[in-house]
Amino acid sequence: MFKNKIIKKLTFAAVIITVLLVCVKQKNMTLRQSLLKTFYPVLMFTSKVFAGNNAILQNQANAKPLTSFYNLKAVNNKGQTINFETFKGKKVLIVNTASNCGYTGQYEELEKLQDQYKAKLVIIGFPANDFKDQETGTDEDIAAFCKTNFGVSFLLMKKSTVIKTAQQNEVFQWLTDKNKNGWNSRPPEWNFSKYLVDENGILLSYFPPAISPLDNAITAALK
């Protein structure tokens, strides 16, 4: 009964917001992106009520990687190769991102997290068009969208494939293969899946898209 009341209230609020947004679209965004940004708090609230944090995976056995995290490299959205050995001594949060997803509002939260823990945390976004064509833009389009609408300054890599196919980039190959990272084979469930690596290159946790970057489960691991 309680959940039904919540759903009715959220549906009514969503209708009102939709009408308003049809009339006033946010600058530098498509109508879809405006709607997604506005509805993001509703999506996160609903996800918390119905899902909770039970999909978080932890490296409870403190398994060590079989292949070093610091041997990895990736190309950023400016065409520069980033060697992961430069991240030694810091935690690294790796996120597959998209500009037209219900969770796109997490860009702003990721930026806040980076600002709060910048002395000991590196955040890396990997734009990907793997889920329902929600990232169709070029690397230049993605960078401009993120900077203009969410103030993103953390690392954004060149758009690539993060799901398990022959084209999967080598970073996500490592993150999703227990024979490389030591324990985890969970691929990204959707856009804004999150993988946390510690200061020594050990994969600590997997956080599903419904977990906010500012959730206690993540910030506690950074303290």
C-alpha atoms as a PDB file:
ATOM      1  CA  MET A   1       0.000   0.000   0.000  1.00  0.00           C
ATOM      2  CA  PHE A   2       2.773   2.424   0.963  1.00  0.00           C
ATOM      3  CA  LYS A   3       4.663   1.771  -2.267  1.00  0.00           C
ATOM      4  CA  ASN A   4       1.490   2.239  -4.326  1.00  0.00           C
ATOM      5  CA  LYS A   5       0.949   5.666  -2.766  1.00  0.00           C
ATOM      6  CA  ILE A   6       4.536   6.610  -3.540  1.00  0.00           C
ATOM      7  CA  ILE A   7       4.152   5.513  -7.161  1.00  0.00           C
ATOM      8  CA  LYS A   8       0.961   7.575  -7.583  1.00  0.00           C
ATOM      9  CA  LYS A   9       2.611  10.682  -6.132  1.00  0.00           C
ATOM     10  CA  LEU A  10       5.715  10.243  -8.289  1.00  0.00           C
ATOM     11  CA  THR A  11       3.602   9.724 -11.408  1.00  0.00           C
ATOM     12  CA  PHE A  12       1.620  12.911 -10.748  1.00  0.00           C
ATOM     13  CA  ALA A  13       4.814  14.878 -10.131  1.00  0.00           C
ATOM     14  CA  ALA A  14       6.330  13.460 -13.308  1.00  0.00           C
ATOM     15  CA  VAL A  15       3.350  14.588 -15.394  1.00  0.00           C
ATOM     16  CA  ILE A  16       3.560  18.139 -14.034  1.00  0.00           C
ATOM     17  CA  ILE A  17       7.298  18.351 -14.651  1.00  0.00           C
ATOM     18  CA  THR A  18       6.918  16.970 -18.165  1.00  0.00           C
ATOM     19  CA  VAL A  19       4.365  19.638 -19.078  1.00  0.00           C
ATOM     20  CA  LEU A  20       6.633  22.374 -17.752  1.00  0.00           C
ATOM     21  CA  LEU A  21       9.660  21.068 -19.607  1.00  0.00           C
ATOM     22  CA  VAL A  22       7.824  20.844 -22.894  1.00  0.00           C
ATOM     23  CA  CYS A  23       7.307  24.585 -22.557  1.00  0.00           C
ATOM     24  CA  VAL A  24      10.753  25.470 -21.204  1.00  0.00           C
ATOM     25  CA  LYS A  25      13.628  23.325 -22.478  1.00  0.00           C
ATOM     26  CA  GLN A  26      16.978  23.748 -20.770  1.00  0.00           C
ATOM     27  CA  LYS A  27      19.634  25.456 -22.855  1.00  0.00           C
ATOM     28  CA  ASN A  28      22.318  23.350 -24.530  1.00  0.00           C
ATOM     29  CA  MET A  29      20.214  20.203 -24.091  1.00  0.00           C
ATOM     30  CA  THR A  30      17.727  18.326 -26.195  1.00  0.00           C
ATOM     31  CA  LEU A  31      14.233  17.978 -24.752  1.00  0.00           C
ATOM     32  CA  ARG A  32      15.048  14.353 -23.916  1.00  0.00           C
ATOM     33  CA  GLN A  33      18.172  15.390 -22.021  1.00  0.00           C
ATOM     34  CA  SER A  34      16.232  18.078 -20.149  1.00  0.00           C
ATOM     35  CA  LEU A  35      13.633  15.535 -19.103  1.00  0.00           C
ATOM     36  CA  LEU A  36      16.265  13.033 -18.028  1.00  0.00           C
ATOM     37  CA  LYS A  37      18.130  15.596 -15.949  1.00  0.00           C
ATOM     38  CA  THR A  38      14.934  16.742 -14.241  1.00  0.00           C
ATOM     39  CA  PHE A  39      13.668  13.232 -13.556  1.00  0.00           C
ATOM     40  CA  TYR A  40      17.012  11.965 -12.276  1.00  0.00           C
ATOM     41  CA  PRO A  41      16.188  12.566  -8.562  1.00  0.00           C
ATOM     42  CA  VAL A  42      12.882  10.700  -9.027  1.00  0.00           C
ATOM     43  CA  LEU A  43      14.680   7.788 -10.685  1.00  0.00           C
ATOM     44  CA  MET A  44      17.244   7.556  -7.893  1.00  0.00           C
ATOM     45  CA  PHE A  45      14.574   7.751  -5.181  1.00  0.00           C
ATOM     46  CA  THR A  46      12.537   5.025  -6.839  1.00  0.00           C
ATOM     47  CA  SER A  47      15.616   2.842  -7.303  1.00  0.00           C
ATOM     48  CA  LYS A  48      16.489   3.203  -3.629  1.00  0.00           C
ATOM     49  CA  VAL A  49      12.974   2.313  -2.475  1.00  0.00           C
ATOM     50  CA  PHE A  50      12.641  -0.785  -4.626  1.00  0.00           C
ATOM     51  CA  ALA A  51      16.207  -2.029  -5.123  1.00  0.00           C
ATOM     52  CA  GLY A  52      18.421  -0.937  -2.248  1.00  0.00           C
ATOM     53  CA  ASN A  53      22.152  -1.648  -2.278  1.00  0.00           C
ATOM     54  CA  ASN A  54      21.956  -5.439  -2.610  1.00  0.00           C
ATOM     55  CA  ALA A  55      23.640  -5.531  -6.025  1.00  0.00           C
ATOM     56  CA  ILE A  56      26.952  -4.120  -4.769  1.00  0.00           C
ATOM     57  CA  LEU A  57      29.813  -6.597  -5.148  1.00  0.00           C
ATOM     58  CA  GLN A  58      32.824  -6.514  -2.825  1.00  0.00           C
ATOM     59  CA  ASN A  59      36.244  -8.128  -2.939  1.00  0.00           C
ATOM     60  CA  GLN A  60      35.659  -9.789   0.422  1.00  0.00           C
ATOM     61  CA  ALA A  61      38.551 -12.218   0.065  1.00  0.00           C
ATOM     62  CA  ASN A  62      40.976  -9.407  -0.807  1.00  0.00           C
ATOM     63  CA  ALA A  63      41.846 -11.232  -4.024  1.00  0.00           C
ATOM     64  CA  LYS A  64      44.877  -9.875  -5.842  1.00  0.00           C
ATOM     65  CA  PRO A  65      44.851  -9.265  -9.602  1.00  0.00           C
ATOM     66  CA  LEU A  66      46.576 -11.809 -11.832  1.00  0.00           C
ATOM     67  CA  THR A  67      47.353  -9.079 -14.357  1.00  0.00           C
ATOM     68  CA  SER A  68      48.500  -5.691 -13.091  1.00  0.00           C
ATOM     69  CA  PHE A  69      46.045  -2.823 -13.282  1.00  0.00           C
ATOM     70  CA  TYR A  70      49.012  -0.558 -13.889  1.00  0.00           C
ATOM     71  CA  ASN A  71      49.854  -2.259 -17.180  1.00  0.00           C
ATOM     72  CA  LEU A  72      46.645  -0.859 -18.650  1.00  0.00           C
ATOM     73  CA  LYS A  73      46.344   2.223 -20.812  1.00  0.00           C
ATOM     74  CA  ALA A  74      43.557   4.057 -22.615  1.00  0.00           C
ATOM     75  CA  VAL A  75      43.159   6.935 -25.055  1.00  0.00           C
ATOM     76  CA  ASN A  76      41.408  10.034 -23.723  1.00  0.00           C
ATOM     77  CA  ASN A  77      38.919  12.095 -25.704  1.00  0.00           C
ATOM     78  CA  LYS A  78      41.731  14.365 -26.879  1.00  0.00           C
ATOM     79  CA  GLY A  79      43.607  11.482 -28.465  1.00  0.00           C
ATOM     80  CA  GLN A  80      46.272  11.216 -25.760  1.00  0.00           C
ATOM     81  CA  THR A  81      47.321   7.830 -24.375  1.00  0.00           C
ATOM     82  CA  ILE A  82      46.983   7.602 -20.587  1.00  0.00           C
ATOM     83  CA  ASN A  83      49.185   5.031 -18.845  1.00  0.00           C
ATOM     84  CA  PHE A  84      47.515   3.732 -15.705  1.00  0.00           C
ATOM     85  CA  GLU A  85      50.817   3.439 -13.868  1.00  0.00           C
ATOM     86  CA  THR A  86      50.439   7.189 -13.237  1.00  0.00           C
ATOM     87  CA  PHE A  87      47.533   6.373 -10.894  1.00  0.00           C
ATOM     88  CA  LYS A  88      49.654   4.454  -8.386  1.00  0.00           C
ATOM     89  CA  GLY A  89      48.951   5.596  -4.827  1.00  0.00           C
ATOM     90  CA  LYS A  90      45.391   6.775  -5.579  1.00  0.00           C
ATOM     91  CA  LYS A  91      42.015   5.098  -5.685  1.00  0.00           C
ATOM     92  CA  VAL A  92      40.447   4.995  -9.144  1.00  0.00           C
ATOM     93  CA  LEU A  93      36.700   4.993  -9.866  1.00  0.00           C
ATOM     94  CA  ILE A  94      35.926   3.838 -13.404  1.00  0.00           C
ATOM     95  CA  VAL A  95      32.460   4.517 -14.830  1.00  0.00           C
ATOM     96  CA  ASN A  96      30.880   3.777 -18.209  1.00  0.00           C
ATOM     97  CA  THR A  97      28.895   6.874 -19.140  1.00  0.00           C
ATOM     98  CA  ALA A  98      26.266   8.105 -21.608  1.00  0.00           C
ATOM     99  CA  SER A  99      24.642  11.458 -22.400  1.00  0.00           C
ATOM    100  CA  ASN A 100      21.071  10.268 -22.969  1.00  0.00           C
ATOM    101  CA  CYS A 101      20.496   7.957 -20.025  1.00  0.00           C
ATOM    102  CA  GLY A 102      18.259   8.275 -16.985  1.00  0.00           C
ATOM    103  CA  TYR A 103      21.427   8.185 -14.883  1.00  0.00           C
ATOM    104  CA  THR A 104      23.201  10.960 -16.825  1.00  0.00           C
ATOM    105  CA  GLY A 105      22.663  13.254 -13.818  1.00  0.00           C
ATOM    106  CA  GLN A 106      25.418  11.269 -12.135  1.00  0.00           C
ATOM    107  CA  TYR A 107      27.925  13.289 -14.139  1.00  0.00           C
ATOM    108  CA  GLU A 108      27.309  16.140 -11.715  1.00  0.00           C
ATOM    109  CA  GLU A 109      27.660  13.850  -8.699  1.00  0.00           C
ATOM    110  CA  LEU A 110      30.864  12.351 -10.052  1.00  0.00           C
ATOM    111  CA  GLU A 111      32.287  15.843 -10.407  1.00  0.00           C
ATOM    112  CA  LYS A 112      31.340  16.625  -6.790  1.00  0.00           C
ATOM    113  CA  LEU A 113      32.964  13.391  -5.652  1.00  0.00           C
ATOM    114  CA  GLN A 114      36.127  14.267  -7.563  1.00  0.00           C
ATOM    115  CA  ASP A 115      36.257  17.709  -5.945  1.00  0.00           C
ATOM    116  CA  GLN A 116      35.713  16.273  -2.473  1.00  0.00           C
ATOM    117  CA  TYR A 117      38.371  13.554  -2.717  1.00  0.00           C
ATOM    118  CA  LYS A 118      40.698  14.950  -5.384  1.00  0.00           C
ATOM    119  CA  ALA A 119      43.773  14.433  -3.200  1.00  0.00           C
ATOM    120  CA  LYS A 120      43.342  10.653  -3.260  1.00  0.00           C
ATOM    121  CA  LEU A 121      40.866   9.806  -6.019  1.00  0.00           C
ATOM    122  CA  VAL A 122      40.916   9.682  -9.815  1.00  0.00           C
ATOM    123  CA  ILE A 123      37.608   9.375 -11.664  1.00  0.00           C
ATOM    124  CA  ILE A 124      37.633   8.100 -15.234  1.00  0.00           C
ATOM    125  CA  GLY A 125      34.583   8.184 -17.488  1.00  0.00           C
ATOM    126  CA  PHE A 126      34.361   5.777 -20.418  1.00  0.00           C
ATOM    127  CA  PRO A 127      31.595   6.968 -22.781  1.00  0.00           C
ATOM    128  CA  ALA A 128      29.957   4.048 -24.549  1.00  0.00           C
ATOM    129  CA  ASN A 129      27.025   3.514 -26.880  1.00  0.00           C
ATOM    130  CA  ASP A 130      26.389  -0.038 -25.683  1.00  0.00           C
ATOM    131  CA  PHE A 131      22.960   0.420 -24.105  1.00  0.00           C
ATOM    132  CA  LYS A 132      20.007   1.445 -26.303  1.00  0.00           C
ATOM    133  CA  ASP A 133      22.022   3.958 -28.376  1.00  0.00           C
ATOM    134  CA  GLN A 134      22.254   6.404 -25.485  1.00  0.00           C
ATOM    135  CA  GLU A 135      25.647   7.806 -26.512  1.00  0.00           C
ATOM    136  CA  THR A 136      25.600   8.482 -30.246  1.00  0.00           C
ATOM    137  CA  GLY A 137      27.678  11.690 -30.248  1.00  0.00           C
ATOM    138  CA  THR A 138      31.313  12.172 -31.187  1.00  0.00           C
ATOM    139  CA  ASP A 139      34.043  12.549 -28.566  1.00  0.00           C
ATOM    140  CA  GLU A 140      33.903  16.308 -29.140  1.00  0.00           C
ATOM    141  CA  ASP A 141      30.120  16.336 -28.663  1.00  0.00           C
ATOM    142  CA  ILE A 142      30.409  14.328 -25.451  1.00  0.00           C
ATOM    143  CA  ALA A 143      33.117  16.552 -23.983  1.00  0.00           C
ATOM    144  CA  ALA A 144      31.154  19.724 -24.759  1.00  0.00           C
ATOM    145  CA  PHE A 145      27.928  18.273 -23.343  1.00  0.00           C
ATOM    146  CA  CYS A 146      29.605  17.177 -20.108  1.00  0.00           C
ATOM    147  CA  LYS A 147      31.454  20.453 -19.577  1.00  0.00           C
ATOM    148  CA  THR A 148      28.549  22.759 -20.420  1.00  0.00           C
ATOM    149  CA  ASN A 149      25.788  20.961 -18.532  1.00  0.00           C
ATOM    150  CA  PHE A 150      27.578  19.287 -15.626  1.00  0.00           C
ATOM    151  CA  GLY A 151      30.904  21.078 -15.256  1.00  0.00           C
ATOM    152  CA  VAL A 152      32.832  17.850 -15.796  1.00  0.00           C
ATOM    153  CA  SER A 153      36.596  18.184 -15.383  1.00  0.00           C
ATOM    154  CA  PHE A 154      37.518  14.591 -14.526  1.00  0.00           C
ATOM    155  CA  LEU A 155      39.084  12.313 -17.132  1.00  0.00           C
ATOM    156  CA  LEU A 156      36.916  11.321 -20.088  1.00  0.00           C
ATOM    157  CA  MET A 157      38.202   8.660 -22.423  1.00  0.00           C
ATOM    158  CA  LYS A 158      37.574   8.140 -26.107  1.00  0.00           C
ATOM    159  CA  LYS A 159      34.202   6.506 -26.792  1.00  0.00           C
ATOM    160  CA  SER A 160      34.585   2.746 -26.849  1.00  0.00           C
ATOM    161  CA  THR A 161      32.860  -0.561 -26.102  1.00  0.00           C
ATOM    162  CA  VAL A 162      32.570  -1.657 -22.460  1.00  0.00           C
ATOM    163  CA  ILE A 163      30.363  -4.756 -22.720  1.00  0.00           C
ATOM    164  CA  LYS A 164      31.761  -8.225 -23.349  1.00  0.00           C
ATOM    165  CA  THR A 165      32.294  -8.377 -27.100  1.00  0.00           C
ATOM    166  CA  ALA A 166      35.345  -8.705 -29.318  1.00  0.00           C
ATOM    167  CA  GLN A 167      35.538  -4.889 -29.323  1.00  0.00           C
ATOM    168  CA  GLN A 168      35.531  -4.452 -25.517  1.00  0.00           C
ATOM    169  CA  ASN A 169      38.273  -2.023 -24.487  1.00  0.00           C
ATOM    170  CA  GLU A 170      41.179  -3.445 -22.486  1.00  0.00           C
ATOM    171  CA  VAL A 171      40.291  -1.611 -19.275  1.00  0.00           C
ATOM    172  CA  PHE A 172      36.830  -3.169 -19.115  1.00  0.00           C
ATOM    173  CA  GLN A 173      38.316  -6.506 -20.177  1.00  0.00           C
ATOM    174  CA  TRP A 174      40.393  -6.316 -16.993  1.00  0.00           C
ATOM    175  CA  LEU A 175      37.504  -5.107 -14.817  1.00  0.00           C
ATOM    176  CA  THR A 176      35.143  -7.882 -15.940  1.00  0.00           C
ATOM    177  CA  ASP A 177      37.445 -10.916 -16.137  1.00  0.00           C
ATOM    178  CA  LYS A 178      38.280 -12.662 -12.843  1.00  0.00           C
ATOM    179  CA  ASN A 179      41.285 -14.255 -14.535  1.00  0.00           C
ATOM    180  CA  LYS A 180      42.731 -10.756 -14.823  1.00  0.00           C
ATOM    181  CA  ASN A 181      41.398  -8.774 -11.828  1.00  0.00           C
ATOM    182  CA  GLY A 182      41.337 -11.767  -9.473  1.00  0.00           C
ATOM    183  CA  TRP A 183      37.647 -12.134  -8.601  1.00  0.00           C
ATOM    184  CA  ASN A 184      35.036 -10.197 -10.585  1.00  0.00           C
ATOM    185  CA  SER A 185      33.334 -11.145 -13.844  1.00  0.00           C
ATOM    186  CA  ARG A 186      30.320  -8.826 -13.571  1.00  0.00           C
ATOM    187  CA  PRO A 187      30.044  -6.684 -16.722  1.00  0.00           C
ATOM    188  CA  PRO A 188      28.340  -3.274 -16.653  1.00  0.00           C
ATOM    189  CA  GLU A 189      24.600  -3.724 -16.162  1.00  0.00           C
ATOM    190  CA  TRP A 190      23.813  -0.397 -17.786  1.00  0.00           C
ATOM    191  CA  ASN A 191      25.307   3.058 -18.172  1.00  0.00           C
ATOM    192  CA  PHE A 192      26.971   4.417 -15.021  1.00  0.00           C
ATOM    193  CA  SER A 193      28.119   1.118 -13.589  1.00  0.00           C
ATOM    194  CA  LYS A 194      31.079   1.812 -11.296  1.00  0.00           C
ATOM    195  CA  TYR A 195      34.270  -0.078 -10.459  1.00  0.00           C
ATOM    196  CA  LEU A 196      36.539   1.025  -7.601  1.00  0.00           C
ATOM    197  CA  VAL A 197      40.252   0.161  -7.626  1.00  0.00           C
ATOM    198  CA  ASP A 198      42.433   0.835  -4.578  1.00  0.00           C
ATOM    199  CA  GLU A 199      45.826   2.547  -4.225  1.00  0.00           C
ATOM    200  CA  ASN A 200      47.634  -0.704  -4.998  1.00  0.00           C
ATOM    201  CA  GLY A 201      45.722  -1.629  -8.141  1.00  0.00           C
ATOM    202  CA  ILE A 202      43.343  -4.086  -6.445  1.00  0.00           C
ATOM    203  CA  LEU A 203      39.729  -4.109  -7.616  1.00  0.00           C
ATOM    204  CA  LEU A 204      37.687  -3.428  -4.471  1.00  0.00           C
ATOM    205  CA  SER A 205      34.047  -3.091  -5.520  1.00  0.00           C
ATOM    206  CA  TYR A 206      31.427  -3.003  -8.206  1.00  0.00           C
ATOM    207  CA  PHE A 207      28.542  -0.524  -7.770  1.00  0.00           C
ATOM    208  CA  PRO A 208      25.478  -0.777 -10.043  1.00  0.00           C
ATOM    209  CA  PRO A 209      24.012   2.254 -11.863  1.00  0.00           C
ATOM    210  CA  ALA A 210      21.326   2.859  -9.213  1.00  0.00           C
ATOM    211  CA  ILE A 211      24.002   3.600  -6.601  1.00  0.00           C
ATOM    212  CA  SER A 212      24.763   7.324  -6.570  1.00  0.00           C
ATOM    213  CA  PRO A 213      28.442   8.319  -6.719  1.00  0.00           C
ATOM    214  CA  LEU A 214      27.774  10.199  -3.453  1.00  0.00           C
ATOM    215  CA  ASP A 215      26.198   7.187  -1.736  1.00  0.00           C
ATOM    216  CA  ASN A 216      27.679   6.243   1.647  1.00  0.00           C
ATOM    217  CA  ALA A 217      28.716   2.886   0.219  1.00  0.00           C
ATOM    218  CA  ILE A 218      31.151   4.697  -2.079  1.00  0.00           C
ATOM    219  CA  THR A 219      32.276   7.584   0.127  1.00  0.00           C
ATOM    220  CA  ALA A 220      32.968   5.199   3.029  1.00  0.00           C
ATOM    221  CA  ALA A 221      35.391   3.296   0.801  1.00  0.00           C
ATOM    222  CA  LEU A 222      37.229   6.530   0.035  1.00  0.00           C
ATOM    223  CA  LYS A 223      37.772   7.687   3.632  1.00  0.00           C
END
